[in-house]
Amino acid sequence: MYQNNMVYKGYRLSASVSRVSIGSAHRPAFTATVAVELAGDQDRLGEPHAVPLFVAGGFVATPGMAVDAAITHGRLVVDSHARIA
């Protein structure tokens, strides 16, 4: 089981993993997106963010790696939000 949710600087980051096909390869491949919302938000309507690695056509070999990439990107989104404010 992978932890696909965490709270970072008052924001909940939630990764959503997808299994994808990569041509004729017979190995698993995964991508993910990340939702960012205030940690106290009861509606759970986090703003989804595409992960640049996956938007560019990249993929990873395990769901855990996809979660890590998504959560890392979510942290960058939160950090850039904090600098603007």
PDB file of N, CA and C in Angstrom:
ATOM      1  N   MET A   1       0.844  -1.178   0.000  1.00  0.00           N
ATOM      2  CA  MET A   1       0.000   0.000   0.000  1.00  0.00           C
ATOM      3  C   MET A   1       0.888   1.239   0.000  1.00  0.00           C
ATOM      4  N   TYR A   2       0.577   2.196  -0.841  1.00  0.00           N
ATOM      5  CA  TYR A   2       1.337   3.419  -0.945  1.00  0.00           C
ATOM      6  C   TYR A   2       0.549   4.563  -0.331  1.00  0.00           C
ATOM      7  N   GLN A   3       1.247   5.444   0.383  1.00  0.00           N
ATOM      8  CA  GLN A   3       0.581   6.616   0.952  1.00  0.00           C
ATOM      9  C   GLN A   3       0.412   7.634  -0.164  1.00  0.00           C
ATOM     10  N   ASN A   4      -0.811   7.785  -0.650  1.00  0.00           N
ATOM     11  CA  ASN A   4      -1.041   8.713  -1.756  1.00  0.00           C
ATOM     12  C   ASN A   4      -1.649  10.031  -1.288  1.00  0.00           C
ATOM     13  N   ASN A   5      -1.704  10.241   0.025  1.00  0.00           N
ATOM     14  CA  ASN A   5      -2.200  11.496   0.591  1.00  0.00           C
ATOM     15  C   ASN A   5      -1.222  11.973   1.653  1.00  0.00           C
ATOM     16  N   MET A   6      -1.012  13.280   1.683  1.00  0.00           N
ATOM     17  CA  MET A   6      -0.213  13.854   2.764  1.00  0.00           C
ATOM     18  C   MET A   6      -0.600  15.306   2.938  1.00  0.00           C
ATOM     19  N   VAL A   7      -0.303  15.858   4.109  1.00  0.00           N
ATOM     20  CA  VAL A   7      -0.523  17.276   4.359  1.00  0.00           C
ATOM     21  C   VAL A   7       0.846  17.942   4.332  1.00  0.00           C
ATOM     22  N   TYR A   8       0.938  19.026   3.556  1.00  0.00           N
ATOM     23  CA  TYR A   8       2.181  19.768   3.398  1.00  0.00           C
ATOM     24  C   TYR A   8       1.861  21.253   3.494  1.00  0.00           C
ATOM     25  N   LYS A   9       2.408  21.902   4.515  1.00  0.00           N
ATOM     26  CA  LYS A   9       2.216  23.340   4.738  1.00  0.00           C
ATOM     27  C   LYS A   9       0.744  23.754   4.724  1.00  0.00           C
ATOM     28  N   GLY A  10      -0.108  22.924   5.312  1.00  0.00           N
ATOM     29  CA  GLY A  10      -1.527  23.251   5.416  1.00  0.00           C
ATOM     30  C   GLY A  10      -2.372  22.853   4.220  1.00  0.00           C
ATOM     31  N   TYR A  11      -1.773  22.191   3.246  1.00  0.00           N
ATOM     32  CA  TYR A  11      -2.492  21.725   2.059  1.00  0.00           C
ATOM     33  C   TYR A  11      -2.468  20.202   2.008  1.00  0.00           C
ATOM     34  N   ARG A  12      -3.593  19.623   1.628  1.00  0.00           N
ATOM     35  CA  ARG A  12      -3.651  18.170   1.426  1.00  0.00           C
ATOM     36  C   ARG A  12      -3.266  17.889  -0.029  1.00  0.00           C
ATOM     37  N   LEU A  13      -2.309  16.986  -0.215  1.00  0.00           N
ATOM     38  CA  LEU A  13      -1.883  16.561  -1.542  1.00  0.00           C
ATOM     39  C   LEU A  13      -2.360  15.129  -1.732  1.00  0.00           C
ATOM     40  N   SER A  14      -3.110  14.879  -2.798  1.00  0.00           N
ATOM     41  CA  SER A  14      -3.652  13.542  -3.059  1.00  0.00           C
ATOM     42  C   SER A  14      -3.267  13.097  -4.462  1.00  0.00           C
ATOM     43  N   ALA A  15      -2.486  12.031  -4.534  1.00  0.00           N
ATOM     44  CA  ALA A  15      -2.057  11.501  -5.825  1.00  0.00           C
ATOM     45  C   ALA A  15      -3.077  10.486  -6.331  1.00  0.00           C
ATOM     46  N   SER A  16      -3.318  10.528  -7.629  1.00  0.00           N
ATOM     47  CA  SER A  16      -4.205   9.569  -8.274  1.00  0.00           C
ATOM     48  C   SER A  16      -3.403   8.863  -9.370  1.00  0.00           C
ATOM     49  N   VAL A  17      -3.211   7.569  -9.213  1.00  0.00           N
ATOM     50  CA  VAL A  17      -2.353   6.784 -10.103  1.00  0.00           C
ATOM     51  C   VAL A  17      -3.174   6.077 -11.169  1.00  0.00           C
ATOM     52  N   SER A  18      -2.622   6.022 -12.377  1.00  0.00           N
ATOM     53  CA  SER A  18      -3.247   5.296 -13.489  1.00  0.00           C
ATOM     54  C   SER A  18      -2.231   4.358 -14.121  1.00  0.00           C
ATOM     55  N   ARG A  19      -2.694   3.191 -14.499  1.00  0.00           N
ATOM     56  CA  ARG A  19      -1.851   2.263 -15.252  1.00  0.00           C
ATOM     57  C   ARG A  19      -2.047   2.577 -16.728  1.00  0.00           C
ATOM     58  N   VAL A  20      -0.964   2.632 -17.488  1.00  0.00           N
ATOM     59  CA  VAL A  20      -1.040   2.980 -18.903  1.00  0.00           C
ATOM     60  C   VAL A  20      -0.370   1.912 -19.752  1.00  0.00           C
ATOM     61  N   SER A  21      -0.758   1.846 -21.010  1.00  0.00           N
ATOM     62  CA  SER A  21      -0.131   0.942 -21.978  1.00  0.00           C
ATOM     63  C   SER A  21       0.974   1.694 -22.699  1.00  0.00           C
ATOM     64  N   ILE A  22       2.077   1.022 -22.925  1.00  0.00           N
ATOM     65  CA  ILE A  22       3.182   1.649 -23.652  1.00  0.00           C
ATOM     66  C   ILE A  22       3.559   0.777 -24.850  1.00  0.00           C
ATOM     67  N   GLY A  23       2.769   0.907 -25.886  1.00  0.00           N
ATOM     68  CA  GLY A  23       3.036   0.167 -27.123  1.00  0.00           C
ATOM     69  C   GLY A  23       2.949  -1.331 -26.928  1.00  0.00           C
ATOM     70  N   SER A  24       3.922  -2.033 -27.466  1.00  0.00           N
ATOM     71  CA  SER A  24       3.895  -3.495 -27.407  1.00  0.00           C
ATOM     72  C   SER A  24       4.658  -4.046 -26.212  1.00  0.00           C
ATOM     73  N   ALA A  25       5.130  -3.167 -25.338  1.00  0.00           N
ATOM     74  CA  ALA A  25       5.866  -3.617 -24.150  1.00  0.00           C
ATOM     75  C   ALA A  25       4.921  -4.376 -23.222  1.00  0.00           C
ATOM     76  N   HIS A  26       5.456  -5.401 -22.613  1.00  0.00           N
ATOM     77  CA  HIS A  26       4.642  -6.228 -21.715  1.00  0.00           C
ATOM     78  C   HIS A  26       4.948  -5.950 -20.249  1.00  0.00           C
ATOM     79  N   ARG A  27       5.470  -4.776 -19.984  1.00  0.00           N
ATOM     80  CA  ARG A  27       5.764  -4.416 -18.599  1.00  0.00           C
ATOM     81  C   ARG A  27       4.779  -3.342 -18.141  1.00  0.00           C
ATOM     82  N   PRO A  28       4.525  -3.272 -16.849  1.00  0.00           N
ATOM     83  CA  PRO A  28       3.585  -2.259 -16.358  1.00  0.00           C
ATOM     84  C   PRO A  28       4.194  -0.856 -16.443  1.00  0.00           C
ATOM     85  N   ALA A  29       3.339   0.123 -16.631  1.00  0.00           N
ATOM     86  CA  ALA A  29       3.746   1.523 -16.648  1.00  0.00           C
ATOM     87  C   ALA A  29       2.654   2.335 -15.956  1.00  0.00           C
ATOM     88  N   PHE A  30       3.069   3.377 -15.250  1.00  0.00           N
ATOM     89  CA  PHE A  30       2.132   4.148 -14.446  1.00  0.00           C
ATOM     90  C   PHE A  30       2.369   5.644 -14.601  1.00  0.00           C
ATOM     91  N   THR A  31       1.299   6.412 -14.478  1.00  0.00           N
ATOM     92  CA  THR A  31       1.346   7.869 -14.426  1.00  0.00           C
ATOM     93  C   THR A  31       0.487   8.306 -13.242  1.00  0.00           C
ATOM     94  N   ALA A  32       0.497   9.601 -12.953  1.00  0.00           N
ATOM     95  CA  ALA A  32      -0.317  10.095 -11.838  1.00  0.00           C
ATOM     96  C   ALA A  32      -0.591  11.584 -12.011  1.00  0.00           C
ATOM     97  N   THR A  33      -1.633  12.035 -11.320  1.00  0.00           N
ATOM     98  CA  THR A  33      -1.917  13.459 -11.169  1.00  0.00           C
ATOM     99  C   THR A  33      -1.951  13.735  -9.670  1.00  0.00           C
ATOM    100  N   VAL A  34      -1.980  15.008  -9.316  1.00  0.00           N
ATOM    101  CA  VAL A  34      -2.044  15.359  -7.897  1.00  0.00           C
ATOM    102  C   VAL A  34      -3.111  16.432  -7.702  1.00  0.00           C
ATOM    103  N   ALA A  35      -3.923  16.259  -6.678  1.00  0.00           N
ATOM    104  CA  ALA A  35      -4.922  17.264  -6.298  1.00  0.00           C
ATOM    105  C   ALA A  35      -4.390  18.018  -5.090  1.00  0.00           C
ATOM    106  N   VAL A  36      -4.555  19.340  -5.111  1.00  0.00           N
ATOM    107  CA  VAL A  36      -4.078  20.194  -4.024  1.00  0.00           C
ATOM    108  C   VAL A  36      -5.279  20.943  -3.460  1.00  0.00           C
ATOM    109  N   GLU A  37      -5.461  20.848  -2.131  1.00  0.00           N
ATOM    110  CA  GLU A  37      -6.567  21.544  -1.470  1.00  0.00           C
ATOM    111  C   GLU A  37      -6.150  21.927  -0.057  1.00  0.00           C
ATOM    112  N   LEU A  38      -6.838  22.888   0.516  1.00  0.00           N
ATOM    113  CA  LEU A  38      -6.581  23.225   1.909  1.00  0.00           C
ATOM    114  C   LEU A  38      -6.891  22.003   2.774  1.00  0.00           C
ATOM    115  N   ALA A  39      -6.056  21.748   3.753  1.00  0.00           N
ATOM    116  CA  ALA A  39      -6.202  20.546   4.572  1.00  0.00           C
ATOM    117  C   ALA A  39      -7.541  20.473   5.285  1.00  0.00           C
ATOM    118  N   GLY A  40      -8.114  21.607   5.666  1.00  0.00           N
ATOM    119  CA  GLY A  40      -9.382  21.620   6.381  1.00  0.00           C
ATOM    120  C   GLY A  40     -10.598  21.593   5.484  1.00  0.00           C
ATOM    121  N   ASP A  41     -10.420  21.528   4.176  1.00  0.00           N
ATOM    122  CA  ASP A  41     -11.535  21.562   3.228  1.00  0.00           C
ATOM    123  C   ASP A  41     -12.333  20.262   3.316  1.00  0.00           C
ATOM    124  N   GLN A  42     -13.570  20.371   3.755  1.00  0.00           N
ATOM    125  CA  GLN A  42     -14.416  19.189   3.917  1.00  0.00           C
ATOM    126  C   GLN A  42     -15.002  18.673   2.603  1.00  0.00           C
ATOM    127  N   ASP A  43     -15.045  19.520   1.574  1.00  0.00           N
ATOM    128  CA  ASP A  43     -15.653  19.121   0.300  1.00  0.00           C
ATOM    129  C   ASP A  43     -14.768  18.193  -0.508  1.00  0.00           C
ATOM    130  N   ARG A  44     -13.477  18.195  -0.252  1.00  0.00           N
ATOM    131  CA  ARG A  44     -12.521  17.351  -0.976  1.00  0.00           C
ATOM    132  C   ARG A  44     -12.576  17.618  -2.472  1.00  0.00           C
ATOM    133  N   LEU A  45     -12.642  18.885  -2.851  1.00  0.00           N
ATOM    134  CA  LEU A  45     -12.685  19.277  -4.262  1.00  0.00           C
ATOM    135  C   LEU A  45     -11.341  19.873  -4.669  1.00  0.00           C
ATOM    136  N   GLY A  46     -10.265  19.152  -4.399  1.00  0.00           N
ATOM    137  CA  GLY A  46      -8.931  19.656  -4.687  1.00  0.00           C
ATOM    138  C   GLY A  46      -8.726  19.972  -6.150  1.00  0.00           C
ATOM    139  N   GLU A  47      -7.938  21.004  -6.384  1.00  0.00           N
ATOM    140  CA  GLU A  47      -7.619  21.413  -7.745  1.00  0.00           C
ATOM    141  C   GLU A  47      -6.622  20.416  -8.330  1.00  0.00           C
ATOM    142  N   PRO A  48      -6.981  19.705  -9.416  1.00  0.00           N
ATOM    143  CA  PRO A  48      -6.057  18.717  -9.988  1.00  0.00           C
ATOM    144  C   PRO A  48      -4.934  19.400 -10.768  1.00  0.00           C
ATOM    145  N   HIS A  49      -3.750  18.848 -10.651  1.00  0.00           N
ATOM    146  CA  HIS A  49      -2.584  19.350 -11.365  1.00  0.00           C
ATOM    147  C   HIS A  49      -1.924  18.193 -12.112  1.00  0.00           C
ATOM    148  N   ALA A  50      -1.643  18.420 -13.376  1.00  0.00           N
ATOM    149  CA  ALA A  50      -0.916  17.427 -14.155  1.00  0.00           C
ATOM    150  C   ALA A  50       0.555  17.473 -13.736  1.00  0.00           C
ATOM    151  N   VAL A  51       1.198  16.327 -13.719  1.00  0.00           N
ATOM    152  CA  VAL A  51       2.612  16.228 -13.362  1.00  0.00           C
ATOM    153  C   VAL A  51       3.428  16.361 -14.651  1.00  0.00           C
ATOM    154  N   PRO A  52       4.332  17.346 -14.719  1.00  0.00           N
ATOM    155  CA  PRO A  52       5.074  17.590 -15.958  1.00  0.00           C
ATOM    156  C   PRO A  52       5.751  16.354 -16.551  1.00  0.00           C
ATOM    157  N   LEU A  53       6.300  15.492 -15.719  1.00  0.00           N
ATOM    158  CA  LEU A  53       6.934  14.267 -16.212  1.00  0.00           C
ATOM    159  C   LEU A  53       5.978  13.455 -17.067  1.00  0.00           C
ATOM    160  N   PHE A  54       4.741  13.347 -16.607  1.00  0.00           N
ATOM    161  CA  PHE A  54       3.764  12.520 -17.305  1.00  0.00           C
ATOM    162  C   PHE A  54       3.114  13.256 -18.475  1.00  0.00           C
ATOM    163  N   VAL A  55       2.964  14.562 -18.364  1.00  0.00           N
ATOM    164  CA  VAL A  55       2.423  15.364 -19.468  1.00  0.00           C
ATOM    165  C   VAL A  55       3.357  15.268 -20.674  1.00  0.00           C
ATOM    166  N   ALA A  56       4.655  15.199 -20.403  1.00  0.00           N
ATOM    167  CA  ALA A  56       5.659  15.124 -21.463  1.00  0.00           C
ATOM    168  C   ALA A  56       5.753  13.726 -22.077  1.00  0.00           C
ATOM    169  N   GLY A  57       4.886  12.814 -21.649  1.00  0.00           N
ATOM    170  CA  GLY A  57       4.886  11.461 -22.202  1.00  0.00           C
ATOM    171  C   GLY A  57       5.650  10.448 -21.380  1.00  0.00           C
ATOM    172  N   GLY A  58       6.181  10.882 -20.250  1.00  0.00           N
ATOM    173  CA  GLY A  58       6.933   9.973 -19.401  1.00  0.00           C
ATOM    174  C   GLY A  58       6.027   9.052 -18.603  1.00  0.00           C
ATOM    175  N   PHE A  59       6.625   8.050 -18.025  1.00  0.00           N
ATOM    176  CA  PHE A  59       5.918   7.090 -17.171  1.00  0.00           C
ATOM    177  C   PHE A  59       6.945   6.477 -16.234  1.00  0.00           C
ATOM    178  N   VAL A  60       6.475   5.761 -15.244  1.00  0.00           N
ATOM    179  CA  VAL A  60       7.358   5.090 -14.296  1.00  0.00           C
ATOM    180  C   VAL A  60       6.956   3.625 -14.177  1.00  0.00           C
ATOM    181  N   ALA A  61       7.828   2.832 -13.565  1.00  0.00           N
ATOM    182  CA  ALA A  61       7.636   1.386 -13.531  1.00  0.00           C
ATOM    183  C   ALA A  61       6.746   0.888 -12.398  1.00  0.00           C
ATOM    184  N   THR A  62       6.532   1.699 -11.365  1.00  0.00           N
ATOM    185  CA  THR A  62       5.738   1.237 -10.222  1.00  0.00           C
ATOM    186  C   THR A  62       4.748   2.307  -9.775  1.00  0.00           C
ATOM    187  N   PRO A  63       3.663   1.880  -9.144  1.00  0.00           N
ATOM    188  CA  PRO A  63       2.715   2.861  -8.609  1.00  0.00           C
ATOM    189  C   PRO A  63       3.353   3.762  -7.558  1.00  0.00           C
ATOM    190  N   GLY A  64       4.251   3.223  -6.756  1.00  0.00           N
ATOM    191  CA  GLY A  64       4.919   4.016  -5.733  1.00  0.00           C
ATOM    192  C   GLY A  64       5.740   5.148  -6.330  1.00  0.00           C
ATOM    193  N   MET A  65       6.411   4.876  -7.430  1.00  0.00           N
ATOM    194  CA  MET A  65       7.190   5.915  -8.103  1.00  0.00           C
ATOM    195  C   MET A  65       6.267   6.991  -8.678  1.00  0.00           C
ATOM    196  N   ALA A  66       5.096   6.588  -9.169  1.00  0.00           N
ATOM    197  CA  ALA A  66       4.124   7.553  -9.698  1.00  0.00           C
ATOM    198  C   ALA A  66       3.606   8.456  -8.577  1.00  0.00           C
ATOM    199  N   VAL A  67       3.317   7.867  -7.420  1.00  0.00           N
ATOM    200  CA  VAL A  67       2.864   8.640  -6.261  1.00  0.00           C
ATOM    201  C   VAL A  67       3.958   9.622  -5.839  1.00  0.00           C
ATOM    202  N   ASP A  68       5.194   9.147  -5.772  1.00  0.00           N
ATOM    203  CA  ASP A  68       6.304  10.022  -5.376  1.00  0.00           C
ATOM    204  C   ASP A  68       6.430  11.214  -6.320  1.00  0.00           C
ATOM    205  N   ALA A  69       6.347  10.972  -7.626  1.00  0.00           N
ATOM    206  CA  ALA A  69       6.456  12.052  -8.608  1.00  0.00           C
ATOM    207  C   ALA A  69       5.309  13.048  -8.441  1.00  0.00           C
ATOM    208  N   ALA A  70       4.098  12.540  -8.222  1.00  0.00           N
ATOM    209  CA  ALA A  70       2.932  13.416  -8.075  1.00  0.00           C
ATOM    210  C   ALA A  70       3.016  14.243  -6.791  1.00  0.00           C
ATOM    211  N   ILE A  71       3.368  13.617  -5.678  1.00  0.00           N
ATOM    212  CA  ILE A  71       3.457  14.334  -4.403  1.00  0.00           C
ATOM    213  C   ILE A  71       4.579  15.378  -4.455  1.00  0.00           C
ATOM    214  N   THR A  72       5.692  15.030  -5.076  1.00  0.00           N
ATOM    215  CA  THR A  72       6.789  15.986  -5.227  1.00  0.00           C
ATOM    216  C   THR A  72       6.328  17.203  -6.027  1.00  0.00           C
ATOM    217  N   HIS A  73       5.596  16.960  -7.105  1.00  0.00           N
ATOM    218  CA  HIS A  73       5.078  18.077  -7.889  1.00  0.00           C
ATOM    219  C   HIS A  73       4.075  18.893  -7.068  1.00  0.00           C
ATOM    220  N   GLY A  74       3.241  18.232  -6.281  1.00  0.00           N
ATOM    221  CA  GLY A  74       2.292  18.932  -5.423  1.00  0.00           C
ATOM    222  C   GLY A  74       2.996  19.853  -4.436  1.00  0.00           C
ATOM    223  N   ARG A  75       4.119  19.405  -3.889  1.00  0.00           N
ATOM    224  CA  ARG A  75       4.898  20.254  -2.984  1.00  0.00           C
ATOM    225  C   ARG A  75       5.399  21.498  -3.712  1.00  0.00           C
ATOM    226  N   LEU A  76       5.851  21.329  -4.945  1.00  0.00           N
ATOM    227  CA  LEU A  76       6.313  22.471  -5.740  1.00  0.00           C
ATOM    228  C   LEU A  76       5.174  23.454  -6.011  1.00  0.00           C
ATOM    229  N   VAL A  77       3.984  22.922  -6.266  1.00  0.00           N
ATOM    230  CA  VAL A  77       2.812  23.778  -6.493  1.00  0.00           C
ATOM    231  C   VAL A  77       2.512  24.596  -5.234  1.00  0.00           C
ATOM    232  N   VAL A  78       2.523  23.936  -4.080  1.00  0.00           N
ATOM    233  CA  VAL A  78       2.261  24.636  -2.818  1.00  0.00           C
ATOM    234  C   VAL A  78       3.332  25.690  -2.565  1.00  0.00           C
ATOM    235  N   ASP A  79       4.580  25.337  -2.772  1.00  0.00           N
ATOM    236  CA  ASP A  79       5.669  26.288  -2.545  1.00  0.00           C
ATOM    237  C   ASP A  79       5.563  27.502  -3.472  1.00  0.00           C
ATOM    238  N   SER A  80       5.192  27.283  -4.712  1.00  0.00           N
ATOM    239  CA  SER A  80       5.059  28.418  -5.634  1.00  0.00           C
ATOM    240  C   SER A  80       3.844  29.272  -5.275  1.00  0.00           C
ATOM    241  N   HIS A  81       2.806  28.650  -4.755  1.00  0.00           N
ATOM    242  CA  HIS A  81       1.622  29.383  -4.269  1.00  0.00           C
ATOM    243  C   HIS A  81       2.011  30.289  -3.098  1.00  0.00           C
ATOM    244  N   ALA A  82       2.794  29.765  -2.200  1.00  0.00           N
ATOM    245  CA  ALA A  82       3.174  30.506  -0.994  1.00  0.00           C
ATOM    246  C   ALA A  82       4.031  31.721  -1.348  1.00  0.00           C
ATOM    247  N   ARG A  83       4.867  31.620  -2.370  1.00  0.00           N
ATOM    248  CA  ARG A  83       5.714  32.741  -2.761  1.00  0.00           C
ATOM    249  C   ARG A  83       4.922  33.870  -3.393  1.00  0.00           C
ATOM    250  N   ILE A  84       3.849  33.519  -4.098  1.00  0.00           N
ATOM    251  CA  ILE A  84       3.024  34.522  -4.775  1.00  0.00           C
ATOM    252  C   ILE A  84       2.248  35.353  -3.767  1.00  0.00           C
ATOM    253  N   ALA A  85       1.758  34.716  -2.715  1.00  0.00           N
ATOM    254  CA  ALA A  85       0.904  35.391  -1.728  1.00  0.00           C
ATOM    255  C   ALA A  85       1.625  36.403  -0.889  1.00  0.00           C
TER     256      ALA A  85
END
